[in-house]
């Protein structure tokens, strides 16, 4: 499938996520092994085989997904776009979204259109920052 814009690729990514379709998910990703995916609080998955296995495992372990996405920041270049988004996820029968996940999606323009090369998701810390310990005096 050809994605004419990074936004089209990102929409297809989240549609595949909600549909729990590994085939649709992997169409969004670049076809080479330079891709990486980091799910919240997990080690990086590098290359198509590992990325596909990670998504397959997630899709098999959870029920229905519903995701709302809000763009927080965007960096536009001619052949690469970085989009920082907030993901509001509901899983299974949940009626309210979970606390937001902050995700970075990096898209690369290739001969056949735009494709995802990196998805890095992390819990978003909200509220006050933890108290900092004063630095130790070394001298």
N, C-alpha and C. Protein backbone atom coordinates (compact mmCIF):
# COMPACT_ATOMS: atom_id res chain seq x y z
N UNK A 1 0.84 -1.18 0.00
CA UNK A 1 0.00 0.00 0.00
C UNK A 1 0.89 1.24 0.00
N UNK A 2 0.49 2.22 -0.74
CA UNK A 2 1.24 3.47 -0.83
C UNK A 2 0.59 4.53 0.05
N UNK A 3 1.39 5.11 0.94
CA UNK A 3 0.91 6.19 1.80
C UNK A 3 1.50 7.49 1.26
N UNK A 4 0.65 8.37 0.78
CA UNK A 4 1.12 9.59 0.13
C UNK A 4 1.58 10.66 1.11
N UNK A 5 1.21 10.53 2.38
CA UNK A 5 1.63 11.49 3.41
C UNK A 5 1.97 10.73 4.70
N UNK A 6 2.76 11.36 5.57
CA UNK A 6 3.01 10.74 6.86
C UNK A 6 1.72 10.58 7.67
N UNK A 7 0.82 11.53 7.52
CA UNK A 7 -0.46 11.46 8.23
C UNK A 7 -1.27 10.24 7.80
N UNK A 8 -1.24 9.92 6.50
CA UNK A 8 -1.94 8.74 6.00
C UNK A 8 -1.32 7.46 6.57
N UNK A 9 0.00 7.43 6.64
CA UNK A 9 0.68 6.27 7.23
C UNK A 9 0.33 6.16 8.71
N UNK A 10 0.31 7.28 9.41
CA UNK A 10 0.00 7.25 10.84
C UNK A 10 -1.45 6.81 11.07
N UNK A 11 -2.36 7.29 10.26
CA UNK A 11 -3.76 6.86 10.38
C UNK A 11 -3.89 5.36 10.16
N UNK A 12 -3.18 4.83 9.17
CA UNK A 12 -3.20 3.39 8.91
C UNK A 12 -2.59 2.62 10.08
N UNK A 13 -1.54 3.16 10.68
CA UNK A 13 -0.91 2.53 11.84
C UNK A 13 -1.91 2.38 12.98
N UNK A 14 -2.61 3.46 13.32
CA UNK A 14 -3.55 3.39 14.44
C UNK A 14 -4.79 2.58 14.08
N UNK A 15 -5.20 2.57 12.82
CA UNK A 15 -6.32 1.71 12.39
C UNK A 15 -5.94 0.24 12.53
N UNK A 16 -4.70 -0.11 12.15
CA UNK A 16 -4.23 -1.49 12.30
C UNK A 16 -4.12 -1.86 13.78
N UNK A 17 -3.70 -0.92 14.61
CA UNK A 17 -3.60 -1.13 16.05
C UNK A 17 -4.99 -1.47 16.60
N UNK A 18 -5.98 -0.62 16.28
CA UNK A 18 -7.33 -0.85 16.77
C UNK A 18 -7.92 -2.16 16.24
N UNK A 19 -7.62 -2.49 14.99
CA UNK A 19 -8.16 -3.71 14.38
C UNK A 19 -7.40 -4.96 14.82
N UNK A 20 -6.26 -4.75 15.48
CA UNK A 20 -5.39 -5.86 15.89
C UNK A 20 -4.99 -6.72 14.69
N UNK A 21 -4.67 -6.03 13.59
CA UNK A 21 -4.30 -6.71 12.35
C UNK A 21 -2.79 -6.63 12.13
N UNK A 22 -2.12 -7.77 12.29
CA UNK A 22 -0.67 -7.79 12.09
C UNK A 22 -0.33 -7.51 10.63
N UNK A 23 -1.13 -8.00 9.70
CA UNK A 23 -0.86 -7.75 8.28
C UNK A 23 -0.95 -6.26 7.96
N UNK A 24 -2.03 -5.61 8.41
CA UNK A 24 -2.19 -4.17 8.16
C UNK A 24 -1.12 -3.38 8.89
N UNK A 25 -0.73 -3.83 10.07
CA UNK A 25 0.29 -3.13 10.84
C UNK A 25 1.62 -3.15 10.09
N UNK A 26 2.02 -4.31 9.60
CA UNK A 26 3.34 -4.41 8.98
C UNK A 26 3.42 -3.73 7.61
N UNK A 27 2.28 -3.47 6.98
CA UNK A 27 2.27 -2.71 5.72
C UNK A 27 2.72 -1.27 5.97
N UNK A 28 2.41 -0.75 7.15
CA UNK A 28 2.76 0.63 7.49
C UNK A 28 4.26 0.80 7.67
N UNK A 29 4.92 -0.24 8.20
CA UNK A 29 6.34 -0.16 8.52
C UNK A 29 7.20 -0.25 7.25
N UNK A 30 8.36 0.38 7.29
CA UNK A 30 9.32 0.29 6.19
C UNK A 30 9.67 -1.19 5.98
N UNK A 31 10.04 -1.52 4.76
CA UNK A 31 10.25 -2.93 4.40
C UNK A 31 11.65 -3.45 4.75
N UNK A 32 12.54 -2.57 5.18
CA UNK A 32 13.89 -3.04 5.52
C UNK A 32 14.01 -3.28 7.03
N UNK A 33 15.15 -3.75 7.45
CA UNK A 33 15.35 -4.08 8.86
C UNK A 33 15.86 -2.91 9.70
N UNK A 34 15.81 -1.70 9.17
CA UNK A 34 16.27 -0.55 9.95
C UNK A 34 15.20 -0.04 10.91
N UNK A 35 14.07 -0.72 11.03
CA UNK A 35 12.98 -0.26 11.87
C UNK A 35 13.17 -0.69 13.32
N UNK A 36 12.51 0.06 14.23
CA UNK A 36 12.55 -0.27 15.66
C UNK A 36 11.24 0.15 16.31
N UNK A 37 10.85 -0.61 17.32
CA UNK A 37 9.63 -0.31 18.07
C UNK A 37 9.92 -0.52 19.54
N UNK A 38 9.50 0.44 20.35
CA UNK A 38 9.67 0.33 21.80
C UNK A 38 8.30 0.54 22.43
N UNK A 39 7.73 -0.55 22.93
CA UNK A 39 6.46 -0.47 23.64
C UNK A 39 6.75 0.05 25.05
N UNK A 40 5.74 0.60 25.73
CA UNK A 40 5.98 1.17 27.05
C UNK A 40 6.68 0.21 28.01
N UNK A 41 7.75 0.70 28.59
CA UNK A 41 8.51 -0.01 29.63
C UNK A 41 9.09 -1.34 29.18
N UNK A 42 9.40 -1.46 27.87
CA UNK A 42 10.00 -2.70 27.37
C UNK A 42 11.28 -2.39 26.61
N UNK A 43 12.03 -3.43 26.32
CA UNK A 43 13.26 -3.29 25.54
C UNK A 43 12.92 -3.04 24.08
N UNK A 44 13.82 -2.42 23.35
CA UNK A 44 13.59 -2.16 21.92
C UNK A 44 13.45 -3.45 21.12
N UNK A 45 12.58 -3.40 20.13
CA UNK A 45 12.44 -4.47 19.14
C UNK A 45 13.05 -3.93 17.86
N UNK A 46 14.09 -4.58 17.37
CA UNK A 46 14.82 -4.10 16.20
C UNK A 46 14.63 -5.04 15.02
N UNK A 47 14.27 -4.48 13.86
CA UNK A 47 14.08 -5.27 12.65
C UNK A 47 12.65 -5.75 12.49
N UNK A 48 12.29 -6.09 11.25
CA UNK A 48 10.91 -6.47 10.94
C UNK A 48 10.43 -7.70 11.71
N UNK A 49 11.27 -8.71 11.83
CA UNK A 49 10.83 -9.93 12.51
C UNK A 49 10.48 -9.65 13.97
N UNK A 50 11.34 -8.92 14.66
CA UNK A 50 11.10 -8.61 16.07
C UNK A 50 9.91 -7.67 16.25
N UNK A 51 9.80 -6.66 15.38
CA UNK A 51 8.68 -5.73 15.48
C UNK A 51 7.37 -6.47 15.25
N UNK A 52 7.30 -7.30 14.24
CA UNK A 52 6.07 -8.07 13.96
C UNK A 52 5.74 -8.99 15.13
N UNK A 53 6.73 -9.64 15.69
CA UNK A 53 6.49 -10.55 16.83
C UNK A 53 5.95 -9.77 18.03
N UNK A 54 6.48 -8.57 18.27
CA UNK A 54 6.01 -7.75 19.39
C UNK A 54 4.56 -7.36 19.23
N UNK A 55 4.19 -6.92 18.03
CA UNK A 55 2.79 -6.54 17.80
C UNK A 55 1.88 -7.76 17.85
N UNK A 56 2.33 -8.87 17.29
CA UNK A 56 1.52 -10.10 17.31
C UNK A 56 1.23 -10.51 18.76
N UNK A 57 2.25 -10.47 19.59
CA UNK A 57 2.09 -10.82 21.00
C UNK A 57 1.11 -9.88 21.70
N UNK A 58 1.21 -8.58 21.43
CA UNK A 58 0.30 -7.62 22.04
C UNK A 58 -1.13 -7.87 21.58
N UNK A 59 -1.32 -8.11 20.29
CA UNK A 59 -2.65 -8.32 19.76
C UNK A 59 -3.29 -9.59 20.32
N UNK A 60 -2.49 -10.62 20.54
CA UNK A 60 -3.00 -11.88 21.07
C UNK A 60 -3.33 -11.79 22.55
N UNK A 61 -2.62 -10.92 23.28
CA UNK A 61 -2.77 -10.84 24.73
C UNK A 61 -3.93 -9.95 25.17
N UNK A 62 -4.35 -9.03 24.34
CA UNK A 62 -5.36 -8.06 24.75
C UNK A 62 -6.62 -8.20 23.92
N UNK A 63 -7.69 -7.68 24.47
CA UNK A 63 -8.95 -7.66 23.73
C UNK A 63 -9.01 -6.45 22.81
N UNK A 64 -10.17 -5.93 22.64
CA UNK A 64 -10.45 -4.79 21.78
C UNK A 64 -9.62 -3.57 22.21
N UNK A 65 -9.07 -2.84 21.22
CA UNK A 65 -8.37 -1.59 21.47
C UNK A 65 -9.18 -0.43 20.88
N UNK A 66 -9.21 0.67 21.61
CA UNK A 66 -9.73 1.92 21.06
C UNK A 66 -8.69 2.99 21.40
N UNK A 67 -8.27 3.75 20.39
CA UNK A 67 -7.19 4.72 20.59
C UNK A 67 -7.60 6.08 20.04
N UNK A 68 -7.38 7.09 20.85
CA UNK A 68 -7.50 8.47 20.39
C UNK A 68 -6.10 9.05 20.39
N UNK A 69 -5.78 9.81 19.34
CA UNK A 69 -4.43 10.34 19.18
C UNK A 69 -4.49 11.86 19.06
N UNK A 70 -3.58 12.51 19.77
CA UNK A 70 -3.50 13.97 19.75
C UNK A 70 -2.05 14.34 19.46
N UNK A 71 -1.83 15.13 18.43
CA UNK A 71 -0.47 15.54 18.07
C UNK A 71 0.01 16.58 19.07
N UNK A 72 1.21 16.34 19.63
CA UNK A 72 1.81 17.27 20.58
C UNK A 72 2.91 18.11 19.94
N UNK A 73 3.60 17.52 18.94
CA UNK A 73 4.71 18.22 18.30
C UNK A 73 5.01 17.53 16.98
N UNK A 74 5.53 18.30 16.03
CA UNK A 74 5.87 17.73 14.73
C UNK A 74 7.11 18.41 14.18
N UNK A 75 7.99 17.59 13.62
CA UNK A 75 9.18 18.11 12.95
C UNK A 75 9.11 17.62 11.51
N UNK A 76 9.04 18.55 10.58
CA UNK A 76 8.87 18.22 9.17
C UNK A 76 10.17 18.44 8.39
N UNK A 77 10.60 17.42 7.69
CA UNK A 77 11.72 17.51 6.77
C UNK A 77 11.27 16.90 5.45
N UNK A 78 12.04 17.09 4.41
CA UNK A 78 11.59 16.63 3.10
C UNK A 78 11.44 15.11 3.01
N UNK A 79 12.29 14.34 3.67
CA UNK A 79 12.23 12.88 3.57
C UNK A 79 11.96 12.18 4.90
N UNK A 80 11.73 12.97 5.96
CA UNK A 80 11.48 12.38 7.26
C UNK A 80 10.57 13.29 8.07
N UNK A 81 9.65 12.69 8.79
CA UNK A 81 8.76 13.45 9.67
C UNK A 81 8.74 12.76 11.02
N UNK A 82 8.88 13.57 12.06
CA UNK A 82 8.80 13.07 13.43
C UNK A 82 7.55 13.67 14.05
N UNK A 83 6.68 12.79 14.55
CA UNK A 83 5.45 13.24 15.19
C UNK A 83 5.42 12.71 16.62
N UNK A 84 5.31 13.63 17.57
CA UNK A 84 5.14 13.27 18.97
C UNK A 84 3.65 13.39 19.26
N UNK A 85 3.08 12.29 19.75
CA UNK A 85 1.64 12.25 19.98
C UNK A 85 1.34 11.75 21.39
N UNK A 86 0.14 12.11 21.85
CA UNK A 86 -0.41 11.53 23.06
C UNK A 86 -1.43 10.48 22.63
N UNK A 87 -1.26 9.27 23.13
CA UNK A 87 -2.19 8.19 22.83
C UNK A 87 -3.08 7.96 24.05
N UNK A 88 -4.39 7.98 23.83
CA UNK A 88 -5.36 7.69 24.88
C UNK A 88 -5.98 6.34 24.53
N UNK A 89 -5.65 5.34 25.32
CA UNK A 89 -5.97 3.95 24.99
C UNK A 89 -7.01 3.38 25.94
N UNK A 90 -7.98 2.68 25.34
CA UNK A 90 -8.93 1.88 26.10
C UNK A 90 -8.78 0.44 25.61
N UNK A 91 -8.72 -0.50 26.56
CA UNK A 91 -8.54 -1.90 26.22
C UNK A 91 -9.73 -2.70 26.73
N UNK A 92 -10.20 -3.62 25.90
CA UNK A 92 -11.30 -4.48 26.31
C UNK A 92 -12.56 -3.70 26.58
N UNK A 93 -13.14 -3.93 27.74
CA UNK A 93 -14.42 -3.29 28.10
C UNK A 93 -14.26 -2.00 28.89
N UNK A 94 -13.04 -1.47 28.96
CA UNK A 94 -12.84 -0.22 29.69
C UNK A 94 -13.70 0.88 29.09
N UNK A 95 -14.28 1.71 29.96
CA UNK A 95 -15.16 2.78 29.49
C UNK A 95 -14.48 4.14 29.46
N UNK A 96 -13.34 4.24 30.11
CA UNK A 96 -12.58 5.50 30.13
C UNK A 96 -11.16 5.23 29.63
N UNK A 97 -10.57 6.21 28.94
CA UNK A 97 -9.17 6.03 28.51
C UNK A 97 -8.23 5.92 29.69
N UNK A 98 -7.18 5.18 29.51
CA UNK A 98 -6.10 5.09 30.49
C UNK A 98 -5.32 6.40 30.49
N UNK A 99 -4.44 6.61 31.48
CA UNK A 99 -3.59 7.80 31.42
C UNK A 99 -2.83 7.82 30.09
N UNK A 100 -2.55 9.00 29.57
CA UNK A 100 -1.95 9.07 28.23
C UNK A 100 -0.58 8.43 28.14
N UNK A 101 -0.32 7.92 26.96
CA UNK A 101 0.99 7.40 26.58
C UNK A 101 1.59 8.44 25.64
N UNK A 102 2.83 8.81 25.85
CA UNK A 102 3.52 9.71 24.93
C UNK A 102 4.28 8.86 23.93
N UNK A 103 4.04 9.09 22.66
CA UNK A 103 4.69 8.27 21.62
C UNK A 103 5.36 9.16 20.59
N UNK A 104 6.47 8.66 20.08
CA UNK A 104 7.17 9.31 18.98
C UNK A 104 7.08 8.38 17.78
N UNK A 105 6.55 8.89 16.69
CA UNK A 105 6.44 8.15 15.43
C UNK A 105 7.33 8.83 14.40
N UNK A 106 8.26 8.08 13.84
CA UNK A 106 9.16 8.62 12.83
C UNK A 106 8.82 7.95 11.50
N UNK A 107 8.55 8.79 10.51
CA UNK A 107 8.19 8.32 9.17
C UNK A 107 9.27 8.73 8.19
N UNK A 108 9.55 7.84 7.23
CA UNK A 108 10.56 8.10 6.21
C UNK A 108 9.89 7.98 4.84
N UNK A 109 10.21 8.94 3.96
CA UNK A 109 9.70 8.89 2.59
C UNK A 109 10.57 7.94 1.78
N UNK A 110 9.92 6.96 1.17
CA UNK A 110 10.62 5.97 0.34
C UNK A 110 10.04 6.03 -1.06
N UNK A 111 10.55 5.22 -1.95
CA UNK A 111 10.09 5.22 -3.34
C UNK A 111 8.59 4.97 -3.47
N UNK A 112 8.04 4.15 -2.58
CA UNK A 112 6.61 3.82 -2.67
C UNK A 112 5.75 4.60 -1.68
N UNK A 113 6.28 5.66 -1.09
CA UNK A 113 5.49 6.48 -0.18
C UNK A 113 6.11 6.55 1.21
N UNK A 114 5.32 6.99 2.17
CA UNK A 114 5.78 7.19 3.54
C UNK A 114 5.57 5.92 4.36
N UNK A 115 6.58 5.60 5.19
CA UNK A 115 6.50 4.42 6.05
C UNK A 115 7.06 4.73 7.43
N UNK A 116 6.55 4.00 8.40
CA UNK A 116 7.00 4.13 9.78
C UNK A 116 8.35 3.43 9.95
N UNK A 117 9.30 4.08 10.62
CA UNK A 117 10.60 3.45 10.91
C UNK A 117 10.85 3.33 12.41
N UNK A 118 10.13 4.14 13.21
CA UNK A 118 10.29 4.07 14.66
C UNK A 118 8.98 4.44 15.33
N UNK A 119 8.57 3.62 16.28
CA UNK A 119 7.47 3.94 17.19
C UNK A 119 8.01 3.71 18.58
N UNK A 120 8.04 4.76 19.40
CA UNK A 120 8.55 4.66 20.76
C UNK A 120 7.48 5.23 21.68
N UNK A 121 6.90 4.37 22.51
CA UNK A 121 5.83 4.78 23.41
C UNK A 121 6.27 4.64 24.85
N UNK A 122 5.87 5.63 25.67
CA UNK A 122 6.27 5.66 27.06
C UNK A 122 5.16 6.29 27.89
N UNK A 123 4.96 5.82 29.13
CA UNK A 123 3.95 6.46 29.97
C UNK A 123 4.29 7.94 30.16
N UNK A 124 3.28 8.75 30.17
CA UNK A 124 3.45 10.19 30.36
C UNK A 124 3.30 10.49 31.84
N UNK A 125 4.32 11.07 32.42
CA UNK A 125 4.27 11.43 33.83
C UNK A 125 3.52 12.74 33.97
N UNK A 126 2.51 12.74 34.82
CA UNK A 126 1.75 13.96 35.06
C UNK A 126 1.82 14.29 36.54
N UNK A 127 1.57 15.53 36.88
CA UNK A 127 1.62 15.94 38.28
C UNK A 127 2.95 16.57 38.60
N UNK A 128 3.26 16.59 39.87
CA UNK A 128 4.49 17.26 40.31
C UNK A 128 5.68 16.34 40.15
N UNK A 129 6.81 16.93 39.96
CA UNK A 129 8.06 16.17 39.85
C UNK A 129 8.45 15.67 41.22
N UNK A 130 9.09 14.50 41.29
CA UNK A 130 9.53 13.99 42.59
C UNK A 130 10.57 14.93 43.20
N UNK A 131 10.62 14.91 44.52
CA UNK A 131 11.60 15.75 45.22
C UNK A 131 13.00 15.31 44.83
N UNK A 132 13.86 16.26 44.59
CA UNK A 132 15.23 15.95 44.20
C UNK A 132 16.12 15.96 45.44
N UNK A 133 17.00 15.02 45.48
CA UNK A 133 17.98 14.95 46.56
C UNK A 133 19.09 15.94 46.23
N UNK A 134 19.49 16.76 47.21
CA UNK A 134 20.59 17.70 46.90
C UNK A 134 21.84 16.93 46.48
N UNK A 135 22.62 17.48 45.56
CA UNK A 135 23.82 16.77 45.13
C UNK A 135 24.83 16.65 46.28
N UNK A 136 25.52 15.55 46.27
CA UNK A 136 26.56 15.34 47.29
C UNK A 136 27.73 16.28 47.02
N UNK A 137 28.31 16.80 48.07
CA UNK A 137 29.47 17.67 47.93
C UNK A 137 30.69 16.78 47.84
N UNK A 138 31.43 16.90 46.77
CA UNK A 138 32.57 16.03 46.53
C UNK A 138 33.88 16.58 47.08
N UNK A 139 33.97 17.89 47.35
CA UNK A 139 35.23 18.47 47.84
C UNK A 139 35.02 19.11 49.17
